[in-house]
Amino acid sequence: QVQLVESGGGLVQAGGSLRLSCAASGRTISSYTMAWFRQAPGKEREFTANIRGSGSSVANSLKGRFTISRDNAKNTVYLQMDSLKPEDTAVYFCAVDIQGRNAWNQYEYEYWGQGTQVTVSS
């Protein structure tokens, strides 16, 4: 079992930045794929970014603004979000794929956090 706890969400003005954190416990995550997804009201949950042993990926629409990183010593993954826009408003979820794939589909992830709300005002 892996437990995930997200933090760092909040209210920010358009153009601002936030850094989300996801702390994992229960297992060492260094060999797993860690990802961020987000879900806006009335919309499907969508892939944001992932990071794994062989590298990282960011959704095409978010490249240049969002960066994912990890600190294996702290068992934590981060999502740095810059130049935020109102359309980035969503609940952001952290997830783990224990098979270490370059997975963009939410159904490939076995463990999920409870989410953290990000609200960007115009």
Protein backbone atom coordinates (compact mmCIF):
# COMPACT_ATOMS: atom_id res chain seq x y z
CA GLN A 1 0.00 0.00 0.00
CA VAL A 2 1.06 3.53 -0.76
CA GLN A 3 -0.45 6.53 0.96
CA LEU A 4 -0.25 9.89 -0.78
CA VAL A 5 -0.88 13.29 0.73
CA GLU A 6 -0.97 16.39 -1.44
CA SER A 7 -0.37 19.91 -0.21
CA GLY A 8 0.37 23.36 -1.54
CA GLY A 9 -2.90 24.22 -3.20
CA GLY A 10 -4.70 27.49 -2.65
CA LEU A 11 -5.96 30.67 -4.22
CA VAL A 12 -3.64 32.60 -6.52
CA GLN A 13 -4.04 35.41 -9.02
CA ALA A 14 -3.58 34.82 -12.71
CA GLY A 15 0.08 34.99 -13.60
CA GLY A 16 1.14 33.69 -10.21
CA SER A 17 2.84 30.48 -9.20
CA LEU A 18 2.21 27.57 -6.88
CA ARG A 19 4.21 24.51 -5.97
CA LEU A 20 2.30 21.38 -5.09
CA SER A 21 3.83 18.61 -3.03
CA CYS A 22 2.87 14.97 -2.76
CA ALA A 23 4.35 13.03 0.12
CA ALA A 24 4.29 9.26 -0.16
CA SER A 25 4.45 6.73 2.64
CA GLY A 26 4.18 3.01 2.91
CA ARG A 27 6.72 2.24 0.19
CA THR A 28 9.80 3.78 -1.32
CA ILE A 29 8.67 5.43 -4.54
CA SER A 30 12.00 5.87 -6.31
CA SER A 31 11.28 3.12 -8.86
CA TYR A 32 7.66 4.06 -9.43
CA THR A 33 6.07 6.51 -11.79
CA MET A 34 4.57 9.46 -9.97
CA ALA A 35 2.06 11.69 -11.67
CA TRP A 36 -0.21 14.65 -11.29
CA PHE A 37 -3.69 14.75 -12.72
CA ARG A 38 -6.28 17.47 -12.40
CA GLN A 39 -10.03 17.65 -12.54
CA ALA A 40 -12.05 20.79 -13.07
CA PRO A 41 -15.74 20.94 -12.17
CA GLY A 42 -17.84 19.06 -14.70
CA LYS A 43 -14.80 17.81 -16.59
CA GLU A 44 -12.89 14.58 -16.91
CA ARG A 45 -9.76 14.01 -14.89
CA GLU A 46 -6.83 14.88 -17.13
CA PHE A 47 -3.14 14.06 -17.17
CA THR A 48 -0.82 16.87 -16.15
CA ALA A 49 2.66 15.39 -15.75
CA ASN A 50 4.55 12.31 -14.70
CA ILE A 51 8.06 11.46 -13.60
CA ARG A 52 9.75 8.07 -13.66
CA GLY A 53 13.20 6.54 -13.72
CA SER A 54 13.77 7.26 -17.41
CA GLY A 55 12.54 10.84 -17.40
CA SER A 56 9.43 12.94 -17.16
CA SER A 57 6.53 14.05 -19.31
CA VAL A 58 4.27 17.08 -19.21
CA ALA A 59 0.97 17.45 -21.03
CA ASN A 60 1.57 19.29 -24.28
CA SER A 61 -0.75 22.14 -23.37
CA LEU A 62 1.15 22.76 -20.13
CA LYS A 63 4.73 22.58 -21.34
CA GLY A 64 6.68 25.67 -20.49
CA ARG A 65 4.51 26.48 -17.49
CA PHE A 66 4.41 23.28 -15.40
CA THR A 67 7.42 21.34 -14.17
CA ILE A 68 7.46 18.05 -12.28
CA SER A 69 10.29 16.93 -10.02
CA ARG A 70 10.93 14.47 -7.25
CA ASP A 71 13.05 14.11 -4.15
CA ASN A 72 13.52 10.40 -3.57
CA ALA A 73 15.18 10.98 -0.21
CA LYS A 74 11.96 12.65 0.96
CA ASN A 75 9.68 10.28 -0.96
CA THR A 76 8.05 13.38 -2.39
CA VAL A 77 7.07 14.61 -5.84
CA TYR A 78 6.47 18.24 -6.73
CA LEU A 79 4.54 20.15 -9.37
CA GLN A 80 5.78 23.68 -10.01
CA MET A 81 3.09 25.70 -11.73
CA ASP A 82 3.99 29.08 -13.19
CA SER A 83 2.08 31.70 -15.18
CA LEU A 84 -1.14 30.27 -13.86
CA LYS A 85 -4.39 30.92 -15.70
CA PRO A 86 -8.00 30.76 -14.52
CA GLU A 87 -8.45 27.62 -16.62
CA ASP A 88 -5.88 25.89 -14.42
CA THR A 89 -8.43 25.94 -11.63
CA ALA A 90 -9.04 22.34 -10.59
CA VAL A 91 -8.47 19.74 -7.93
CA TYR A 92 -4.98 18.36 -8.42
CA PHE A 93 -4.36 14.72 -7.61
CA CYS A 94 -1.15 12.81 -7.08
CA ALA A 95 -0.96 9.20 -8.28
CA VAL A 96 1.44 6.26 -8.34
CA ASP A 97 2.03 3.63 -11.01
CA ILE A 98 4.05 0.88 -9.37
CA GLN A 99 5.00 -0.56 -12.77
CA GLY A 100 7.05 2.51 -13.59
CA ARG A 101 5.48 3.17 -16.99
CA ASN A 102 5.24 6.39 -18.94
CA ALA A 103 1.53 6.34 -18.21
CA TRP A 104 -0.82 9.16 -19.19
CA ASN A 105 -4.07 7.29 -18.55
CA GLN A 106 -5.51 7.59 -15.06
CA TYR A 107 -6.55 3.93 -15.10
CA GLU A 108 -2.90 2.88 -15.15
CA TYR A 109 -2.35 4.34 -11.70
CA GLU A 110 -2.94 2.18 -8.66
CA TYR A 111 -2.81 4.67 -5.81
CA TRP A 112 -4.25 8.15 -5.45
CA GLY A 113 -4.18 11.00 -3.02
CA GLN A 114 -7.23 12.94 -1.90
CA GLY A 115 -6.41 15.98 -3.99
CA THR A 116 -5.65 19.62 -3.34
CA GLN A 117 -7.69 22.52 -4.66
CA VAL A 118 -6.05 25.12 -6.87
CA THR A 119 -8.05 28.22 -7.69
CA VAL A 120 -6.73 30.88 -10.05
CA SER A 121 -8.57 34.18 -10.05
CA SER A 122 -8.63 36.51 -13.02
